[in-house]
């Protein structure tokens, strides 16, 4: 809550929707979306075991993808790759 500020409520709603998650090596990748609106609003969380940090992205309806922490250039390579793959659904 402290990290995302006012965006936390929206992110929490997205991540409470339809979703999935899996371990990729020692890291965890989870995605979720608003029910019946996955192409409108969705969220991604990447939990990095090596640096013990969370990296999140969310796509609000009608807006660009938001990320934390910003900028993405500071994310680990694996997290950036997951973000890139996830973001392909919005050309």
PDB file of N, CA and C in Angstrom:
ATOM      1  N   UNK A   1       0.821  -1.186   0.000  1.00  0.00           N
ATOM      2  CA  UNK A   1       0.000   0.000   0.000  1.00  0.00           C
ATOM      3  C   UNK A   1       0.864   1.248   0.000  1.00  0.00           C
ATOM      4  N   UNK A   2       1.893   1.255   0.832  1.00  0.00           N
ATOM      5  CA  UNK A   2       2.750   2.436   0.929  1.00  0.00           C
ATOM      6  C   UNK A   2       3.483   2.688  -0.374  1.00  0.00           C
ATOM      7  N   UNK A   3       3.858   1.644  -1.075  1.00  0.00           N
ATOM      8  CA  UNK A   3       4.642   1.786  -2.293  1.00  0.00           C
ATOM      9  C   UNK A   3       3.800   2.297  -3.455  1.00  0.00           C
ATOM     10  N   UNK A   4       2.619   1.719  -3.668  1.00  0.00           N
ATOM     11  CA  UNK A   4       1.797   2.080  -4.818  1.00  0.00           C
ATOM     12  C   UNK A   4       0.889   3.279  -4.565  1.00  0.00           C
ATOM     13  N   UNK A   5       0.731   3.667  -3.308  1.00  0.00           N
ATOM     14  CA  UNK A   5      -0.097   4.831  -3.008  1.00  0.00           C
ATOM     15  C   UNK A   5      -1.519   4.659  -3.505  1.00  0.00           C
ATOM     16  N   UNK A   6      -2.053   5.691  -4.183  1.00  0.00           N
ATOM     17  CA  UNK A   6      -3.444   5.655  -4.639  1.00  0.00           C
ATOM     18  C   UNK A   6      -3.673   4.588  -5.696  1.00  0.00           C
ATOM     19  N   UNK A   7      -2.614   4.110  -6.363  1.00  0.00           N
ATOM     20  CA  UNK A   7      -2.746   3.052  -7.362  1.00  0.00           C
ATOM     21  C   UNK A   7      -2.974   1.679  -6.727  1.00  0.00           C
ATOM     22  N   UNK A   8      -2.727   1.539  -5.434  1.00  0.00           N
ATOM     23  CA  UNK A   8      -2.846   0.236  -4.786  1.00  0.00           C
ATOM     24  C   UNK A   8      -4.250  -0.337  -4.910  1.00  0.00           C
ATOM     25  N   UNK A   9      -5.256   0.477  -4.697  1.00  0.00           N
ATOM     26  CA  UNK A   9      -6.632  -0.011  -4.737  1.00  0.00           C
ATOM     27  C   UNK A   9      -6.961  -0.602  -6.105  1.00  0.00           C
ATOM     28  N   UNK A  10      -6.592   0.093  -7.159  1.00  0.00           N
ATOM     29  CA  UNK A  10      -6.853  -0.417  -8.507  1.00  0.00           C
ATOM     30  C   UNK A  10      -6.049  -1.679  -8.775  1.00  0.00           C
ATOM     31  N   UNK A  11      -4.780  -1.685  -8.381  1.00  0.00           N
ATOM     32  CA  UNK A  11      -3.942  -2.860  -8.583  1.00  0.00           C
ATOM     33  C   UNK A  11      -4.497  -4.053  -7.814  1.00  0.00           C
ATOM     34  N   UNK A  12      -4.926  -3.839  -6.603  1.00  0.00           N
ATOM     35  CA  UNK A  12      -5.482  -4.921  -5.791  1.00  0.00           C
ATOM     36  C   UNK A  12      -6.728  -5.508  -6.443  1.00  0.00           C
ATOM     37  N   UNK A  13      -7.594  -4.670  -6.990  1.00  0.00           N
ATOM     38  CA  UNK A  13      -8.793  -5.162  -7.663  1.00  0.00           C
ATOM     39  C   UNK A  13      -8.420  -6.015  -8.875  1.00  0.00           C
ATOM     40  N   UNK A  14      -7.444  -5.550  -9.648  1.00  0.00           N
ATOM     41  CA  UNK A  14      -7.022  -6.313 -10.824  1.00  0.00           C
ATOM     42  C   UNK A  14      -6.455  -7.665 -10.420  1.00  0.00           C
ATOM     43  N   UNK A  15      -5.607  -7.683  -9.411  1.00  0.00           N
ATOM     44  CA  UNK A  15      -4.950  -8.915  -9.004  1.00  0.00           C
ATOM     45  C   UNK A  15      -5.891  -9.854  -8.255  1.00  0.00           C
ATOM     46  N   UNK A  16      -7.068  -9.380  -7.889  1.00  0.00           N
ATOM     47  CA  UNK A  16      -8.067 -10.237  -7.245  1.00  0.00           C
ATOM     48  C   UNK A  16      -9.005 -10.864  -8.270  1.00  0.00           C
ATOM     49  N   UNK A  17      -8.801 -10.538  -9.541  1.00  0.00           N
ATOM     50  CA  UNK A  17      -9.646 -11.074 -10.602  1.00  0.00           C
ATOM     51  C   UNK A  17      -9.149 -12.418 -11.092  1.00  0.00           C
ATOM     52  N   UNK A  18      -9.538 -12.755 -12.306  1.00  0.00           N
ATOM     53  CA  UNK A  18      -9.144 -14.009 -12.932  1.00  0.00           C
ATOM     54  C   UNK A  18      -7.638 -13.983 -13.146  1.00  0.00           C
ATOM     55  N   UNK A  19      -6.944 -15.033 -12.722  1.00  0.00           N
ATOM     56  CA  UNK A  19      -5.494 -14.984 -12.861  1.00  0.00           C
ATOM     57  C   UNK A  19      -4.818 -16.325 -12.812  1.00  0.00           C
ATOM     58  N   UNK A  20      -3.508 -16.240 -12.916  1.00  0.00           N
ATOM     59  CA  UNK A  20      -2.678 -17.431 -12.823  1.00  0.00           C
ATOM     60  C   UNK A  20      -1.303 -17.016 -12.331  1.00  0.00           C
ATOM     61  N   UNK A  21      -0.548 -17.993 -11.925  1.00  0.00           N
ATOM     62  CA  UNK A  21       0.807 -17.726 -11.467  1.00  0.00           C
ATOM     63  C   UNK A  21       1.640 -18.984 -11.553  1.00  0.00           C
ATOM     64  N   UNK A  22       2.936 -18.773 -11.661  1.00  0.00           N
ATOM     65  CA  UNK A  22       3.829 -19.927 -11.724  1.00  0.00           C
ATOM     66  C   UNK A  22       5.226 -19.526 -11.276  1.00  0.00           C
ATOM     67  N   UNK A  23       5.943 -20.516 -10.784  1.00  0.00           N
ATOM     68  CA  UNK A  23       7.348 -20.315 -10.464  1.00  0.00           C
ATOM     69  C   UNK A  23       8.151 -20.553 -11.728  1.00  0.00           C
ATOM     70  N   UNK A  24       9.057 -19.646 -11.986  1.00  0.00           N
ATOM     71  CA  UNK A  24       9.998 -19.793 -13.091  1.00  0.00           C
ATOM     72  C   UNK A  24      11.376 -19.772 -12.457  1.00  0.00           C
ATOM     73  N   UNK A  25      11.903 -20.968 -12.253  1.00  0.00           N
ATOM     74  CA  UNK A  25      13.121 -21.075 -11.465  1.00  0.00           C
ATOM     75  C   UNK A  25      12.777 -20.727 -10.031  1.00  0.00           C
ATOM     76  N   UNK A  26      13.517 -19.797  -9.451  1.00  0.00           N
ATOM     77  CA  UNK A  26      13.256 -19.360  -8.079  1.00  0.00           C
ATOM     78  C   UNK A  26      12.339 -18.142  -8.014  1.00  0.00           C
ATOM     79  N   UNK A  27      11.957 -17.612  -9.150  1.00  0.00           N
ATOM     80  CA  UNK A  27      11.120 -16.416  -9.204  1.00  0.00           C
ATOM     81  C   UNK A  27       9.657 -16.806  -9.412  1.00  0.00           C
ATOM     82  N   UNK A  28       8.755 -15.902  -9.026  1.00  0.00           N
ATOM     83  CA  UNK A  28       7.327 -16.131  -9.218  1.00  0.00           C
ATOM     84  C   UNK A  28       6.770 -15.060 -10.142  1.00  0.00           C
ATOM     85  N   UNK A  29       5.938 -15.480 -11.100  1.00  0.00           N
ATOM     86  CA  UNK A  29       5.273 -14.561 -12.011  1.00  0.00           C
ATOM     87  C   UNK A  29       3.776 -14.812 -11.919  1.00  0.00           C
ATOM     88  N   UNK A  30       3.024 -13.762 -11.635  1.00  0.00           N
ATOM     89  CA  UNK A  30       1.575 -13.882 -11.558  1.00  0.00           C
ATOM     90  C   UNK A  30       0.906 -12.805 -12.394  1.00  0.00           C
ATOM     91  N   UNK A  31      -0.194 -13.169 -13.012  1.00  0.00           N
ATOM     92  CA  UNK A  31      -0.976 -12.210 -13.780  1.00  0.00           C
ATOM     93  C   UNK A  31      -2.439 -12.373 -13.416  1.00  0.00           C
ATOM     94  N   UNK A  32      -3.180 -11.309 -13.567  1.00  0.00           N
ATOM     95  CA  UNK A  32      -4.616 -11.345 -13.312  1.00  0.00           C
ATOM     96  C   UNK A  32      -5.259 -10.209 -14.089  1.00  0.00           C
ATOM     97  N   UNK A  33      -6.583 -10.295 -14.206  1.00  0.00           N
ATOM     98  CA  UNK A  33      -7.291  -9.247 -14.928  1.00  0.00           C
ATOM     99  C   UNK A  33      -8.696  -9.084 -14.361  1.00  0.00           C
ATOM    100  N   UNK A  34      -9.319  -8.014 -14.765  1.00  0.00           N
ATOM    101  CA  UNK A  34     -10.697  -7.771 -14.356  1.00  0.00           C
ATOM    102  C   UNK A  34     -11.578  -8.787 -15.080  1.00  0.00           C
ATOM    103  N   UNK A  35     -12.468  -9.472 -14.379  1.00  0.00           N
ATOM    104  CA  UNK A  35     -13.316 -10.474 -15.020  1.00  0.00           C
ATOM    105  C   UNK A  35     -14.044  -9.921 -16.243  1.00  0.00           C
ATOM    106  N   UNK A  36     -14.018 -10.693 -17.324  1.00  0.00           N
ATOM    107  CA  UNK A  36     -14.675 -10.360 -18.586  1.00  0.00           C
ATOM    108  C   UNK A  36     -14.086  -9.126 -19.251  1.00  0.00           C
ATOM    109  N   UNK A  37     -12.921  -8.684 -18.817  1.00  0.00           N
ATOM    110  CA  UNK A  37     -12.321  -7.484 -19.408  1.00  0.00           C
ATOM    111  C   UNK A  37     -10.798  -7.591 -19.420  1.00  0.00           C
ATOM    112  N   UNK A  38     -10.290  -8.779 -19.681  1.00  0.00           N
ATOM    113  CA  UNK A  38      -8.839  -8.985 -19.606  1.00  0.00           C
ATOM    114  C   UNK A  38      -8.055  -8.148 -20.610  1.00  0.00           C
ATOM    115  N   UNK A  39      -8.667  -7.769 -21.715  1.00  0.00           N
ATOM    116  CA  UNK A  39      -7.948  -6.936 -22.671  1.00  0.00           C
ATOM    117  C   UNK A  39      -8.076  -5.455 -22.343  1.00  0.00           C
ATOM    118  N   UNK A  40      -8.877  -5.137 -21.329  1.00  0.00           N
ATOM    119  CA  UNK A  40      -9.037  -3.745 -20.913  1.00  0.00           C
ATOM    120  C   UNK A  40      -8.176  -3.407 -19.695  1.00  0.00           C
ATOM    121  N   UNK A  41      -8.195  -4.270 -18.697  1.00  0.00           N
ATOM    122  CA  UNK A  41      -7.453  -4.017 -17.463  1.00  0.00           C
ATOM    123  C   UNK A  41      -6.808  -5.307 -16.973  1.00  0.00           C
ATOM    124  N   UNK A  42      -5.537  -5.227 -16.620  1.00  0.00           N
ATOM    125  CA  UNK A  42      -4.828  -6.416 -16.137  1.00  0.00           C
ATOM    126  C   UNK A  42      -3.637  -5.998 -15.282  1.00  0.00           C
ATOM    127  N   UNK A  43      -3.089  -6.965 -14.568  1.00  0.00           N
ATOM    128  CA  UNK A  43      -1.937  -6.700 -13.717  1.00  0.00           C
ATOM    129  C   UNK A  43      -0.926  -7.833 -13.792  1.00  0.00           C
ATOM    130  N   UNK A  44       0.304  -7.512 -13.468  1.00  0.00           N
ATOM    131  CA  UNK A  44       1.415  -8.467 -13.466  1.00  0.00           C
ATOM    132  C   UNK A  44       2.230  -8.240 -12.202  1.00  0.00           C
ATOM    133  N   UNK A  45       2.662  -9.321 -11.588  1.00  0.00           N
ATOM    134  CA  UNK A  45       3.578  -9.215 -10.459  1.00  0.00           C
ATOM    135  C   UNK A  45       4.725 -10.189 -10.694  1.00  0.00           C
ATOM    136  N   UNK A  46       5.939  -9.726 -10.457  1.00  0.00           N
ATOM    137  CA  UNK A  46       7.138 -10.550 -10.584  1.00  0.00           C
ATOM    138  C   UNK A  46       7.851 -10.470  -9.239  1.00  0.00           C
ATOM    139  N   UNK A  47       8.002 -11.616  -8.600  1.00  0.00           N
ATOM    140  CA  UNK A  47       8.693 -11.677  -7.305  1.00  0.00           C
ATOM    141  C   UNK A  47      10.069 -12.277  -7.542  1.00  0.00           C
ATOM    142  N   UNK A  48      11.075 -11.459  -7.384  1.00  0.00           N
ATOM    143  CA  UNK A  48      12.450 -11.872  -7.646  1.00  0.00           C
ATOM    144  C   UNK A  48      13.078 -12.446  -6.385  1.00  0.00           C
ATOM    145  N   UNK A  49      13.495 -13.690  -6.469  1.00  0.00           N
ATOM    146  CA  UNK A  49      14.111 -14.312  -5.294  1.00  0.00           C
ATOM    147  C   UNK A  49      15.536 -13.824  -5.085  1.00  0.00           C
ATOM    148  N   UNK A  50      16.222 -13.480  -6.161  1.00  0.00           N
ATOM    149  CA  UNK A  50      17.627 -13.081  -6.019  1.00  0.00           C
ATOM    150  C   UNK A  50      17.794 -11.750  -5.291  1.00  0.00           C
ATOM    151  N   UNK A  51      16.913 -10.787  -5.553  1.00  0.00           N
ATOM    152  CA  UNK A  51      17.037  -9.508  -4.851  1.00  0.00           C
ATOM    153  C   UNK A  51      15.900  -9.261  -3.860  1.00  0.00           C
ATOM    154  N   UNK A  52      15.021 -10.276  -3.709  1.00  0.00           N
ATOM    155  CA  UNK A  52      13.938 -10.237  -2.723  1.00  0.00           C
ATOM    156  C   UNK A  52      13.082  -8.980  -2.862  1.00  0.00           C
ATOM    157  N   UNK A  53      12.691  -8.699  -4.125  1.00  0.00           N
ATOM    158  CA  UNK A  53      11.871  -7.525  -4.411  1.00  0.00           C
ATOM    159  C   UNK A  53      10.694  -7.909  -5.289  1.00  0.00           C
ATOM    160  N   UNK A  54       9.685  -7.082  -5.239  1.00  0.00           N
ATOM    161  CA  UNK A  54       8.518  -7.238  -6.096  1.00  0.00           C
ATOM    162  C   UNK A  54       8.547  -6.171  -7.177  1.00  0.00           C
ATOM    163  N   UNK A  55       8.169  -6.581  -8.375  1.00  0.00           N
ATOM    164  CA  UNK A  55       8.068  -5.684  -9.521  1.00  0.00           C
ATOM    165  C   UNK A  55       6.657  -5.841 -10.057  1.00  0.00           C
ATOM    166  N   UNK A  56       5.939  -4.740 -10.219  1.00  0.00           N
ATOM    167  CA  UNK A  56       4.552  -4.829 -10.635  1.00  0.00           C
ATOM    168  C   UNK A  56       4.264  -3.922 -11.825  1.00  0.00           C
ATOM    169  N   UNK A  57       3.292  -4.347 -12.603  1.00  0.00           N
ATOM    170  CA  UNK A  57       2.807  -3.552 -13.727  1.00  0.00           C
ATOM    171  C   UNK A  57       1.303  -3.736 -13.788  1.00  0.00           C
ATOM    172  N   UNK A  58       0.614  -2.715 -14.239  1.00  0.00           N
ATOM    173  CA  UNK A  58      -0.818  -2.821 -14.414  1.00  0.00           C
ATOM    174  C   UNK A  58      -1.236  -1.947 -15.577  1.00  0.00           C
ATOM    175  N   UNK A  59      -2.295  -2.394 -16.227  1.00  0.00           N
ATOM    176  CA  UNK A  59      -2.828  -1.712 -17.399  1.00  0.00           C
ATOM    177  C   UNK A  59      -4.221  -1.228 -17.045  1.00  0.00           C
ATOM    178  N   UNK A  60      -4.358   0.046 -16.680  1.00  0.00           N
ATOM    179  CA  UNK A  60      -5.690   0.588 -16.417  1.00  0.00           C
ATOM    180  C   UNK A  60      -6.478   0.719 -17.725  1.00  0.00           C
ATOM    181  N   UNK A  61      -7.776   0.622 -17.643  1.00  0.00           N
ATOM    182  CA  UNK A  61      -8.636   0.718 -18.817  1.00  0.00           C
ATOM    183  C   UNK A  61      -8.413   2.056 -19.532  1.00  0.00           C
ATOM    184  N   UNK A  62      -8.069   1.970 -20.811  1.00  0.00           N
ATOM    185  CA  UNK A  62      -7.886   3.166 -21.628  1.00  0.00           C
ATOM    186  C   UNK A  62      -6.603   3.930 -21.391  1.00  0.00           C
ATOM    187  N   UNK A  63      -5.696   3.381 -20.600  1.00  0.00           N
ATOM    188  CA  UNK A  63      -4.451   4.085 -20.285  1.00  0.00           C
ATOM    189  C   UNK A  63      -3.249   3.222 -20.635  1.00  0.00           C
ATOM    190  N   UNK A  64      -2.071   3.821 -20.543  1.00  0.00           N
ATOM    191  CA  UNK A  64      -0.829   3.090 -20.781  1.00  0.00           C
ATOM    192  C   UNK A  64      -0.495   2.222 -19.574  1.00  0.00           C
ATOM    193  N   UNK A  65       0.382   1.263 -19.794  1.00  0.00           N
ATOM    194  CA  UNK A  65       0.848   0.393 -18.718  1.00  0.00           C
ATOM    195  C   UNK A  65       1.645   1.216 -17.711  1.00  0.00           C
ATOM    196  N   UNK A  66       1.336   1.019 -16.439  1.00  0.00           N
ATOM    197  CA  UNK A  66       2.065   1.663 -15.348  1.00  0.00           C
ATOM    198  C   UNK A  66       2.959   0.615 -14.696  1.00  0.00           C
ATOM    199  N   UNK A  67       4.099   1.017 -14.173  1.00  0.00           N
ATOM    200  CA  UNK A  67       5.033   0.076 -13.558  1.00  0.00           C
ATOM    201  C   UNK A  67       5.555   0.612 -12.233  1.00  0.00           C
ATOM    202  N   UNK A  68       5.954  -0.313 -11.386  1.00  0.00           N
ATOM    203  CA  UNK A  68       6.653   0.031 -10.155  1.00  0.00           C
ATOM    204  C   UNK A  68       7.631  -1.091  -9.844  1.00  0.00           C
ATOM    205  N   UNK A  69       8.844  -0.779  -9.498  1.00  0.00           N
ATOM    206  CA  UNK A  69       9.408   0.560  -9.486  1.00  0.00           C
ATOM    207  C   UNK A  69       9.722   1.022 -10.905  1.00  0.00           C
ATOM    208  N   UNK A  70       9.707   2.305 -11.073  1.00  0.00           N
ATOM    209  CA  UNK A  70      10.061   2.899 -12.369  1.00  0.00           C
ATOM    210  C   UNK A  70      11.469   3.475 -12.243  1.00  0.00           C
ATOM    211  N   UNK A  71      12.219   3.490 -13.286  1.00  0.00           N
ATOM    212  CA  UNK A  71      11.921   3.005 -14.626  1.00  0.00           C
ATOM    213  C   UNK A  71      12.203   1.507 -14.743  1.00  0.00           C
ATOM    214  N   UNK A  72      11.658   0.918 -15.802  1.00  0.00           N
ATOM    215  CA  UNK A  72      11.804  -0.517 -16.044  1.00  0.00           C
ATOM    216  C   UNK A  72      13.261  -0.902 -16.282  1.00  0.00           C
ATOM    217  N   UNK A  73      14.075   0.042 -16.704  1.00  0.00           N
ATOM    218  CA  UNK A  73      15.492  -0.263 -16.940  1.00  0.00           C
ATOM    219  C   UNK A  73      16.186  -0.722 -15.666  1.00  0.00           C
ATOM    220  N   UNK A  74      15.598  -0.437 -14.512  1.00  0.00           N
ATOM    221  CA  UNK A  74      16.153  -0.888 -13.248  1.00  0.00           C
ATOM    222  C   UNK A  74      15.681  -2.268 -12.827  1.00  0.00           C
ATOM    223  N   UNK A  75      14.770  -2.850 -13.598  1.00  0.00           N
ATOM    224  CA  UNK A  75      14.259  -4.189 -13.279  1.00  0.00           C
ATOM    225  C   UNK A  75      15.282  -5.234 -13.692  1.00  0.00           C
ATOM    226  N   UNK A  76      15.280  -6.391 -13.015  1.00  0.00           N
ATOM    227  CA  UNK A  76      16.138  -7.492 -13.450  1.00  0.00           C
ATOM    228  C   UNK A  76      15.739  -7.944 -14.862  1.00  0.00           C
ATOM    229  N   UNK A  77      16.668  -8.519 -15.572  1.00  0.00           N
ATOM    230  CA  UNK A  77      16.427  -8.938 -16.957  1.00  0.00           C
ATOM    231  C   UNK A  77      15.216  -9.866 -17.073  1.00  0.00           C
ATOM    232  N   UNK A  78      15.097 -10.833 -16.160  1.00  0.00           N
ATOM    233  CA  UNK A  78      13.963 -11.769 -16.218  1.00  0.00           C
ATOM    234  C   UNK A  78      12.634 -11.043 -16.049  1.00  0.00           C
ATOM    235  N   UNK A  79      12.582 -10.084 -15.155  1.00  0.00           N
ATOM    236  CA  UNK A  79      11.348  -9.329 -14.923  1.00  0.00           C
ATOM    237  C   UNK A  79      11.002  -8.490 -16.147  1.00  0.00           C
ATOM    238  N   UNK A  80      11.996  -7.873 -16.764  1.00  0.00           N
ATOM    239  CA  UNK A  80      11.754  -7.095 -17.991  1.00  0.00           C
ATOM    240  C   UNK A  80      11.231  -7.987 -19.110  1.00  0.00           C
ATOM    241  N   UNK A  81      11.772  -9.195 -19.219  1.00  0.00           N
ATOM    242  CA  UNK A  81      11.322 -10.131 -20.257  1.00  0.00           C
ATOM    243  C   UNK A  81       9.866 -10.534 -20.018  1.00  0.00           C
ATOM    244  N   UNK A  82       9.495 -10.788 -18.774  1.00  0.00           N
ATOM    245  CA  UNK A  82       8.110 -11.145 -18.457  1.00  0.00           C
ATOM    246  C   UNK A  82       7.175  -9.974 -18.757  1.00  0.00           C
ATOM    247  N   UNK A  83       7.589  -8.769 -18.417  1.00  0.00           N
ATOM    248  CA  UNK A  83       6.794  -7.583 -18.703  1.00  0.00           C
ATOM    249  C   UNK A  83       6.597  -7.415 -20.207  1.00  0.00           C
ATOM    250  N   UNK A  84       7.655  -7.582 -20.960  1.00  0.00           N
ATOM    251  CA  UNK A  84       7.580  -7.436 -22.417  1.00  0.00           C
ATOM    252  C   UNK A  84       6.602  -8.442 -23.016  1.00  0.00           C
ATOM    253  N   UNK A  85       6.673  -9.677 -22.569  1.00  0.00           N
ATOM    254  CA  UNK A  85       5.780 -10.719 -23.080  1.00  0.00           C
ATOM    255  C   UNK A  85       4.326 -10.414 -22.703  1.00  0.00           C
ATOM    256  N   UNK A  86       4.102 -10.029 -21.453  1.00  0.00           N
ATOM    257  CA  UNK A  86       2.761  -9.719 -20.966  1.00  0.00           C
ATOM    258  C   UNK A  86       2.161  -8.524 -21.713  1.00  0.00           C
ATOM    259  N   UNK A  87       2.978  -7.533 -21.997  1.00  0.00           N
ATOM    260  CA  UNK A  87       2.515  -6.296 -22.642  1.00  0.00           C
ATOM    261  C   UNK A  87       2.145  -6.486 -24.109  1.00  0.00           C
ATOM    262  N   UNK A  88       2.513  -7.606 -24.714  1.00  0.00           N
ATOM    263  CA  UNK A  88       2.201  -7.832 -26.123  1.00  0.00           C
ATOM    264  C   UNK A  88       0.701  -7.856 -26.414  1.00  0.00           C
ATOM    265  N   UNK A  89      -0.110  -8.054 -25.401  1.00  0.00           N
ATOM    266  CA  UNK A  89      -1.551  -8.099 -25.630  1.00  0.00           C
ATOM    267  C   UNK A  89      -2.151  -6.720 -25.939  1.00  0.00           C
ATOM    268  N   UNK A  90      -1.352  -5.654 -25.759  1.00  0.00           N
ATOM    269  CA  UNK A  90      -1.795  -4.296 -26.077  1.00  0.00           C
ATOM    270  C   UNK A  90      -0.828  -3.680 -27.083  1.00  0.00           C
ATOM    271  N   UNK A  91      -1.095  -3.881 -28.368  1.00  0.00           N
ATOM    272  CA  UNK A  91      -0.163  -3.378 -29.396  1.00  0.00           C
ATOM    273  C   UNK A  91      -0.046  -1.863 -29.417  1.00  0.00           C
TER     274      UNK A  91
END
